[in-house]
Protein backbone atom coordinates (compact mmCIF):
# COMPACT_ATOMS: atom_id res chain seq x y z
CA MET A 1 67.50 98.88 124.90
CA THR A 2 69.06 99.07 121.66
CA LEU A 3 73.06 100.47 121.73
CA THR A 4 75.01 101.46 118.36
CA LEU A 5 78.31 101.52 117.82
CA ASN A 6 80.27 101.81 114.91
CA ALA A 7 82.89 100.05 112.59
CA LEU A 8 85.36 101.08 113.90
CA ASP A 9 84.46 100.61 117.41
CA LEU A 10 83.88 97.12 116.60
CA LEU A 11 86.84 96.62 115.54
CA PHE A 12 88.95 98.26 118.61
CA GLU A 13 86.27 95.73 120.97
CA LEU A 14 87.57 92.55 119.12
CA GLY A 15 90.99 93.53 119.41
CA ASP A 16 90.86 94.30 122.62
CA ALA A 17 89.09 90.92 123.46
CA CYS A 18 91.18 88.99 121.50
CA LEU A 19 94.47 91.10 123.68
CA GLN A 20 92.38 90.07 126.99
CA LYS A 21 91.86 86.74 125.99
CA PRO A 22 94.40 85.13 123.61
CA GLU A 23 94.12 81.32 124.88
CA VAL A 24 89.94 81.84 123.11
CA TYR A 25 90.58 83.96 120.13
CA LEU A 26 93.98 82.33 118.78
CA GLN A 27 93.11 79.07 118.64
CA ALA A 28 93.23 77.04 115.17
CA GLY A 29 90.03 76.56 113.39
CA HIS A 30 88.50 73.93 110.82
CA ASN A 31 88.12 76.35 108.12
CA GLY A 32 84.50 76.36 108.67
CA PRO A 33 82.33 73.78 106.90
CA TYR A 34 85.33 71.80 105.13
CA ARG A 35 86.04 70.60 108.91
CA HIS A 36 89.93 70.80 108.09
CA PRO A 37 92.06 71.40 111.08
CA GLU A 38 94.18 73.70 110.41
CA THR A 39 97.25 75.46 112.35
CA PRO A 40 97.14 78.39 114.51
CA LEU A 41 98.81 80.11 112.08
CA ARG A 42 95.98 81.49 109.83
CA ASN A 43 94.13 83.02 112.69
CA LYS A 44 97.10 84.36 113.99
CA GLY A 45 97.66 86.02 110.84
CA HIS A 46 94.19 87.35 110.47
CA TRP A 47 94.69 88.64 114.06
CA LEU A 48 98.06 90.12 113.12
CA ILE A 49 96.89 92.51 110.56
CA THR A 50 93.78 93.72 112.81
CA PHE A 51 96.23 94.78 115.08
CA SER A 52 98.52 96.36 112.89
CA ARG A 53 95.54 98.26 111.72
CA LEU A 54 94.23 99.25 115.15
CA TYR A 55 98.38 100.14 115.92
CA GLU A 56 97.98 102.61 112.77
CA TRP A 57 94.55 104.19 114.12
CA SER A 58 95.82 104.30 117.27
CA GLY A 59 99.28 104.65 118.05
CA ASP A 60 99.15 102.65 120.91
CA GLU A 61 101.69 100.60 121.19
CA LYS A 62 99.69 97.43 123.24
CA TYR A 63 99.27 96.56 119.53
CA ARG A 64 102.06 97.22 118.08
CA ARG A 65 103.44 94.67 120.86
CA ALA A 66 100.61 91.89 119.37
CA VAL A 67 102.15 92.26 116.02
CA LYS A 68 105.39 91.77 116.84
CA ASP A 69 104.76 88.70 118.96
CA LEU A 70 102.76 87.01 116.09
CA ALA A 71 104.49 87.97 113.51
CA SER A 72 107.27 85.84 115.49
CA VAL A 73 105.74 82.78 114.76
CA PHE A 74 105.90 82.79 111.63
CA LEU A 75 109.58 82.00 112.31
CA GLU A 76 108.74 78.73 114.14
CA PRO A 77 110.37 75.84 112.11
CA GLN A 78 107.45 73.87 113.35
CA TYR A 79 105.07 75.78 110.65
CA ARG A 80 107.97 75.73 107.88
CA PRO A 81 109.16 72.55 108.92
CA HIS A 82 111.44 71.84 105.62
CA GLY A 83 111.64 75.39 104.18
CA TYR A 84 109.20 75.50 101.69
CA SER A 85 105.51 76.56 102.34
CA PHE A 86 103.91 76.88 105.55
CA LEU A 87 102.42 74.32 107.72
CA HIS A 88 98.39 75.77 107.41
CA ARG A 89 96.88 71.86 107.97
CA ASN A 90 96.40 68.48 109.05
CA ALA A 91 93.48 66.90 107.53
CA LYS A 92 93.43 63.20 106.11
CA GLY A 93 93.92 63.05 102.24
CA LYS A 94 94.68 66.51 101.97
CA ASP A 95 97.96 68.97 101.22
CA ARG A 96 99.42 70.40 104.50
CA CYS A 97 99.73 73.92 102.67
CA ASN A 98 96.45 74.45 101.96
CA GLY A 99 96.96 74.73 98.45
CA ILE A 100 98.22 78.68 97.77
CA MET A 101 95.37 80.24 99.61
CA GLY A 102 97.10 79.10 102.94
CA GLN A 103 100.60 80.98 101.63
CA ALA A 104 98.41 83.77 100.08
CA TRP A 105 97.26 84.42 104.16
CA SER A 106 100.66 84.10 105.15
CA ILE A 107 102.20 86.24 102.80
CA GLU A 108 99.92 88.77 103.46
CA SER A 109 100.60 88.61 106.95
CA LEU A 110 104.35 88.50 106.98
CA ALA A 111 103.34 92.04 104.53
CA ALA A 112 102.13 93.85 107.48
CA ALA A 113 103.84 92.48 109.91
CA SER A 114 107.33 94.09 107.62
CA ARG A 115 105.21 97.60 107.55
CA THR A 116 104.03 97.59 111.02
CA LEU A 117 107.54 97.06 112.72
CA SER A 118 109.96 98.32 110.13
CA ASP A 119 111.48 94.94 109.93
CA PRO A 120 112.29 93.80 106.13
CA ILE A 121 112.90 89.95 107.39
CA TYR A 122 109.14 89.50 107.50
CA THR A 123 108.76 90.63 103.83
CA LYS A 124 112.15 88.39 102.93
CA LEU A 125 110.36 85.32 104.02
CA ALA A 126 107.55 86.05 102.08
CA SER A 127 109.39 87.07 99.16
CA GLU A 128 111.37 83.35 99.09
CA VAL A 129 108.44 81.43 99.97
CA PHE A 130 106.22 82.80 96.63
CA LEU A 131 108.89 82.59 94.44
CA GLN A 132 109.17 78.85 95.42
CA HIS A 133 105.88 78.61 93.90
CA PRO A 134 106.29 77.33 90.06
CA PHE A 135 104.46 79.74 87.73
CA ASN A 136 103.38 78.89 84.22
CA ASP A 137 103.81 82.10 82.24
CA SER A 138 101.92 80.53 79.21
CA LEU A 139 98.71 79.85 81.88
CA GLY A 140 99.47 82.74 84.13
CA LEU A 141 98.48 80.22 86.75
CA TRP A 142 100.61 78.99 89.99
CA ASN A 143 100.99 75.30 91.30
CA VAL A 144 100.75 73.71 94.55
CA LEU A 145 103.83 73.45 96.82
CA GLU A 146 103.53 71.21 99.62
CA VAL A 147 105.28 71.93 102.75
CA ASP A 148 107.40 69.47 102.06
CA GLY A 149 108.50 70.74 98.69
CA THR A 150 106.40 68.03 96.22
CA VAL A 151 104.99 70.67 93.65
CA LYS A 152 101.40 69.78 92.92
CA PRO A 153 99.43 70.42 90.35
CA ILE A 154 98.01 74.51 89.38
CA ASP A 155 95.62 74.87 92.02
CA ASN A 156 92.29 74.97 90.18
CA ALA A 157 90.05 77.23 92.40
CA PHE A 158 89.86 80.57 90.93
CA ASN A 159 89.79 83.01 94.96
CA HIS A 160 93.03 80.83 95.56
CA GLN A 161 95.13 81.93 92.55
CA LEU A 162 93.59 85.29 92.78
CA TRP A 163 94.23 85.62 96.25
CA PHE A 164 97.77 84.56 96.05
CA ALA A 165 98.20 87.28 93.60
CA ALA A 166 96.92 90.06 95.98
CA ALA A 167 98.95 88.75 98.75
CA ALA A 168 102.00 88.61 96.82
CA SER A 169 101.51 92.32 95.20
CA PHE A 170 102.21 93.38 98.65
CA ILE A 171 105.46 92.28 98.60
CA MET A 172 106.38 93.61 94.98
CA ASP A 173 108.95 96.20 95.50
CA SER A 174 110.89 93.32 97.34
CA ASP A 175 112.15 91.19 94.05
CA PRO A 176 111.09 92.54 90.23
CA LEU A 177 110.45 88.99 89.54
CA ILE A 178 106.88 89.17 91.91
CA ALA A 179 105.74 91.85 89.97
CA GLU A 180 106.10 90.28 86.82
CA ARG A 181 104.63 86.83 87.71
CA VAL A 182 101.87 89.58 89.24
CA HIS A 183 101.29 91.41 86.18
CA THR A 184 101.15 88.30 84.18
CA PHE A 185 98.23 86.48 86.07
CA MET A 186 96.49 90.31 85.89
CA ASP A 187 97.22 90.31 82.41
CA LYS A 188 95.92 86.39 81.45
CA ILE A 189 92.73 86.61 84.05
CA TRP A 190 90.24 86.58 81.35
CA ASP A 191 91.49 83.84 80.07
CA ASN A 192 90.95 81.84 83.17
CA VAL A 193 88.28 83.47 85.17
CA THR A 194 84.60 82.32 84.06
CA LEU A 195 81.54 84.11 84.57
CA LEU A 196 78.66 83.24 84.94
CA GLU A 197 75.44 85.76 85.00
CA ASP A 198 75.20 88.89 85.89
CA GLY A 199 78.99 88.33 86.83
CA LEU A 200 78.98 85.93 88.77
CA ILE A 201 82.84 84.65 89.33
CA TYR A 202 82.41 80.65 88.61
CA HIS A 203 84.38 78.97 91.58
CA GLU A 204 86.89 76.36 89.47
CA LEU A 205 88.93 77.39 86.96
CA GLU A 206 87.30 75.59 84.27
CA ASN A 207 89.74 74.29 82.12
CA ILE A 208 91.81 72.96 84.58
CA THR A 209 88.41 70.24 85.01
CA GLU A 210 87.17 69.94 81.55
CA ASP A 211 87.28 66.28 80.30
CA LYS A 212 89.65 67.03 78.10
CA PHE A 213 92.24 68.57 80.25
CA GLN A 214 94.05 65.38 81.58
CA THR A 215 97.08 66.63 82.20
CA VAL A 216 98.22 69.75 84.49
CA VAL A 217 101.17 72.22 83.46
CA VAL A 218 103.84 72.00 85.69
CA SER A 219 107.43 74.17 85.69
CA SER A 220 109.32 70.79 84.55
CA GLY A 221 106.55 69.82 81.77
CA LEU A 222 103.50 67.68 81.77
CA VAL A 223 102.14 65.40 84.07
CA ASN A 224 99.54 63.15 84.03
CA VAL A 225 97.05 63.67 86.58
CA TRP A 226 94.26 61.31 85.56
CA GLN A 227 93.46 59.96 89.03
CA ILE A 228 93.11 63.85 89.86
CA VAL A 229 90.45 63.88 87.18
CA SER A 230 88.96 60.66 88.11
CA ALA A 231 88.41 61.99 91.98
CA VAL A 232 86.69 65.08 90.87
CA LEU A 233 84.29 63.06 88.72
CA GLN A 234 83.62 60.26 91.81
CA LYS A 235 83.02 63.39 93.97
CA LEU A 236 80.33 64.81 91.48
CA ARG A 237 79.13 61.46 91.17
CA LEU A 238 79.32 61.20 87.45
CA LYS A 239 81.90 58.66 86.71
CA ASP A 240 80.57 55.80 85.21
CA LYS A 241 77.20 57.42 84.01
CA PRO A 242 76.31 57.88 80.33
CA LEU A 243 76.03 61.71 81.03
CA SER A 244 77.16 63.90 77.57
CA PRO A 245 79.39 66.40 77.87
CA GLU A 246 76.64 68.95 77.92
CA GLU A 247 75.12 67.41 80.94
CA ARG A 248 77.55 66.93 83.41
CA LYS A 249 78.72 70.50 82.55
CA LYS A 250 75.40 71.44 83.26
CA LEU A 251 75.29 68.93 86.83
CA GLN A 252 78.39 70.69 87.46
CA TRP A 253 77.77 74.08 87.43
CA SER A 254 74.39 73.64 89.44
CA LYS A 255 76.69 72.13 92.37
CA MET A 256 78.98 74.88 91.95
CA LEU A 257 76.59 77.74 91.79
CA ASN A 258 75.96 77.91 95.25
CA LYS A 259 79.31 77.54 96.24
CA SER A 260 79.89 80.22 93.73
CA ILE A 261 77.62 82.56 95.38
CA GLY A 262 79.40 82.22 98.57
CA TYR A 263 82.72 83.52 98.05
CA HIS A 264 81.73 86.12 95.50
CA SER A 265 82.58 88.50 97.94
CA PHE A 266 85.59 86.83 99.02
CA ASN A 267 86.98 87.15 95.91
CA THR A 268 85.73 91.25 95.52
CA TYR A 269 87.80 91.65 98.49
CA ALA A 270 90.96 90.27 96.73
CA PHE A 271 90.33 91.77 93.53
CA GLY A 272 89.99 95.16 95.84
CA LEU A 273 93.60 94.75 98.09
CA LEU A 274 94.72 94.05 93.85
CA LYS A 275 93.94 97.08 91.98
CA ASN A 276 95.25 99.06 95.44
CA ASN A 277 98.64 98.01 94.84
CA THR A 278 98.09 97.92 90.88
CA LEU A 279 96.25 101.03 90.25
CA GLU A 280 97.66 101.60 86.80
CA HIS A 281 97.01 97.89 84.97
CA PRO A 282 93.92 98.16 82.50
CA LEU A 283 92.35 95.24 84.19
CA TRP A 284 90.77 97.78 86.45
CA LYS A 285 88.90 99.92 83.39
CA HIS A 286 87.44 96.41 82.02
CA PRO A 287 83.66 95.64 82.08
CA LYS A 288 83.85 92.04 83.21
CA LEU A 289 85.14 93.70 86.19
CA LEU A 290 82.43 96.40 86.75
CA SER A 291 79.94 93.57 86.12
CA ILE A 292 81.34 91.41 88.96
CA ILE A 293 81.60 94.20 91.50
CA ASN A 294 77.65 95.11 89.98
CA TYR A 295 76.51 91.51 90.88
CA LEU A 296 77.43 92.62 94.65
CA LEU A 297 74.19 94.90 94.05
CA THR A 298 71.61 92.16 92.36
CA ASN A 299 69.10 91.01 94.37
CA ASN A 300 69.88 87.20 93.00
CA TYR A 301 73.34 87.78 94.76
CA SER A 302 71.60 89.38 98.14
CA LYS A 303 69.02 86.02 97.42
CA GLY A 304 71.92 83.68 96.97
CA ILE A 305 73.95 84.28 99.94
CA ALA A 306 70.80 84.15 102.21
CA ASN A 307 71.18 80.39 104.07
CA ASN A 308 74.02 79.44 102.09
CA ARG A 309 76.56 77.71 104.14
CA TYR A 310 79.97 79.31 102.14
CA SER A 311 78.37 82.74 103.29
CA TYR A 312 77.82 84.76 106.40
CA ALA A 313 78.83 81.47 108.26
CA TYR A 314 81.69 81.20 106.30
CA ASN A 315 82.67 83.79 104.15
CA PRO A 316 81.28 87.11 105.85
CA PRO A 317 79.62 89.94 103.16
CA GLY A 318 79.54 91.85 106.24
CA PHE A 319 83.50 91.92 106.65
CA GLU A 320 84.18 92.12 103.10
CA ILE A 321 81.56 94.12 100.95
CA PRO A 322 82.50 97.36 102.76
CA PHE A 323 85.98 97.05 101.74
CA SER A 324 84.95 96.18 97.88
CA LEU A 325 82.90 98.63 97.81
CA ALA A 326 85.25 101.01 98.95
CA SER A 327 87.50 100.00 96.55
CA PHE A 328 85.71 100.07 93.11
CA GLU A 329 82.29 102.06 93.73
CA ASN A 330 82.60 106.12 94.16
CA ASP A 331 78.94 106.33 96.01
CA GLU A 332 80.62 106.84 98.97
CA GLU A 333 77.43 107.67 100.22
CA GLY A 334 75.93 104.31 98.49
CA ASN A 335 78.90 102.22 99.80
CA ILE A 336 77.76 103.48 103.71
CA ARG A 337 74.29 102.27 102.94
CA CYS A 338 74.93 98.91 101.82
CA SER A 339 78.12 98.20 103.91
CA GLN A 340 75.88 99.21 106.90
CA LEU A 341 73.02 96.35 105.40
CA PHE A 342 75.50 93.58 104.52
CA LEU A 343 77.40 94.50 108.04
CA GLN A 344 74.40 94.28 110.01
CA GLN A 345 73.04 91.41 109.08
CA GLN A 346 76.12 89.51 109.32
CA LEU A 347 76.65 90.71 113.09
CA ASP A 348 72.97 89.70 113.87
CA PHE A 349 73.83 86.62 112.43
CA CYS A 350 76.91 85.25 113.72
CA TYR A 351 77.73 88.08 116.95
CA ASN A 352 77.48 87.89 120.20
CA HIS A 353 78.21 90.92 122.06
CA GLU A 354 78.56 89.08 125.55
CA SER A 355 80.79 86.64 124.72
CA LYS A 356 82.67 89.32 121.87
CA LEU A 357 83.08 86.04 119.55
CA MET A 358 80.76 85.20 116.25
CA ASP A 359 79.93 81.88 117.85
CA ARG A 360 76.54 82.32 116.78
CA ASN A 361 74.94 79.84 113.81
CA ASN A 362 78.38 78.89 112.27
CA GLU A 363 80.31 76.01 112.65
CA ASP A 364 84.29 77.50 113.35
CA ILE A 365 84.04 80.32 115.57
CA PHE A 366 87.37 81.38 116.10
CA THR A 367 88.00 81.83 112.43
CA LEU A 368 85.12 83.63 111.72
CA THR A 369 86.05 85.93 114.17
CA ALA A 370 89.26 86.00 113.16
CA ARG A 371 88.38 86.85 109.80
CA SER A 372 87.04 90.30 111.18
CA TYR A 373 89.97 91.66 109.88
CA GLU A 374 89.00 91.65 106.45
CA ILE A 375 86.94 94.81 107.24
CA SER A 376 89.98 96.87 109.11
CA ARG A 377 91.76 97.56 105.41
CA SER A 378 89.01 99.53 105.18
CA GLU A 379 89.86 103.29 106.34
CA SER A 380 88.89 104.83 109.37
CA ASN A 381 86.69 107.44 108.52
CA PHE A 382 84.57 105.34 107.05
CA LEU A 383 84.45 103.08 108.62
CA ARG A 384 83.16 105.51 111.63
CA LYS A 385 80.23 106.59 109.18
CA ILE A 386 79.19 102.47 109.40
CA ILE A 387 76.46 102.96 112.18
CA ILE A 388 75.45 99.25 113.32
CA ASN A 389 72.29 98.27 116.41
CA SER A 390 74.36 95.99 119.33
């Protein structure tokens, strides 16, 4: 027998399951297909935001207590051992902060904790970590700050830069310098992002990975990072091959196309967060931004996320598209219809209604389940209208 429920019911179902079995749901993941062992900080932060929203909607103190418990984790010295960035992963050959992306997840979680608990200590911590990251004013981009305070090159994944700005937009009121840097990033965004066909966002910051860019600008000057460029070339299997710049670029784009499609809803979601906190910025009226959002509605996108390891099993469009559309499209009926389609596909592919986990067809059960927090940013009345079959 087929049962129906709405998206809001689904969130309460998941939240209550997490409260009943925290030892299961709050486990650390490994960032999906990347297989990078992570600390529990990421998934606990995701659930914190879900519980924050469940408390706002229900007023039930059990959700507020859950927020308080999870927020206290961010104050533990083991997750910020040197007083700089948060410790997010332990993967050989990788930074321990998970670029600026890991820090964005912590900052957005701390902002939610301060709001729910009416305690500025969490916003203060988020602001401190954010402002420790060097910012290049001329480029409008942030450097990676390692856990031990080492300043590393500019994070060259566009989605990391976008999410870092979006997370910071929740704490702009705590320090004018935060607002200034977020707005500078937005002012310069079209100098940094590369759009492919139909508004698809190219995954990397192209200027950081081009042949001619053999140095990365940091706050203290120019640092030679030829070894980083060499590593990129080696990864792409292009080193020592007599390829022209045009041939090399074409091959690189081909390798990145699948990833770019898989990350598109992750990007539009972050754009939605940023827009809701900076409504007056001219970015939101730019035709390029409209093309980015409209790409979600194209056949190329629907086809591109099918059998894409970076989509349903990693960046869940079923959780990201509802908020993305509601943030930019005024057609509520169309938004509900489209959201319903993607959420149903997401659940059909990954969700197990018996275990109440996203434990089907993905490599990182606990992280993908925790990422249901993304849909919690939508309004409750909107979520009630998204009907799904179980």
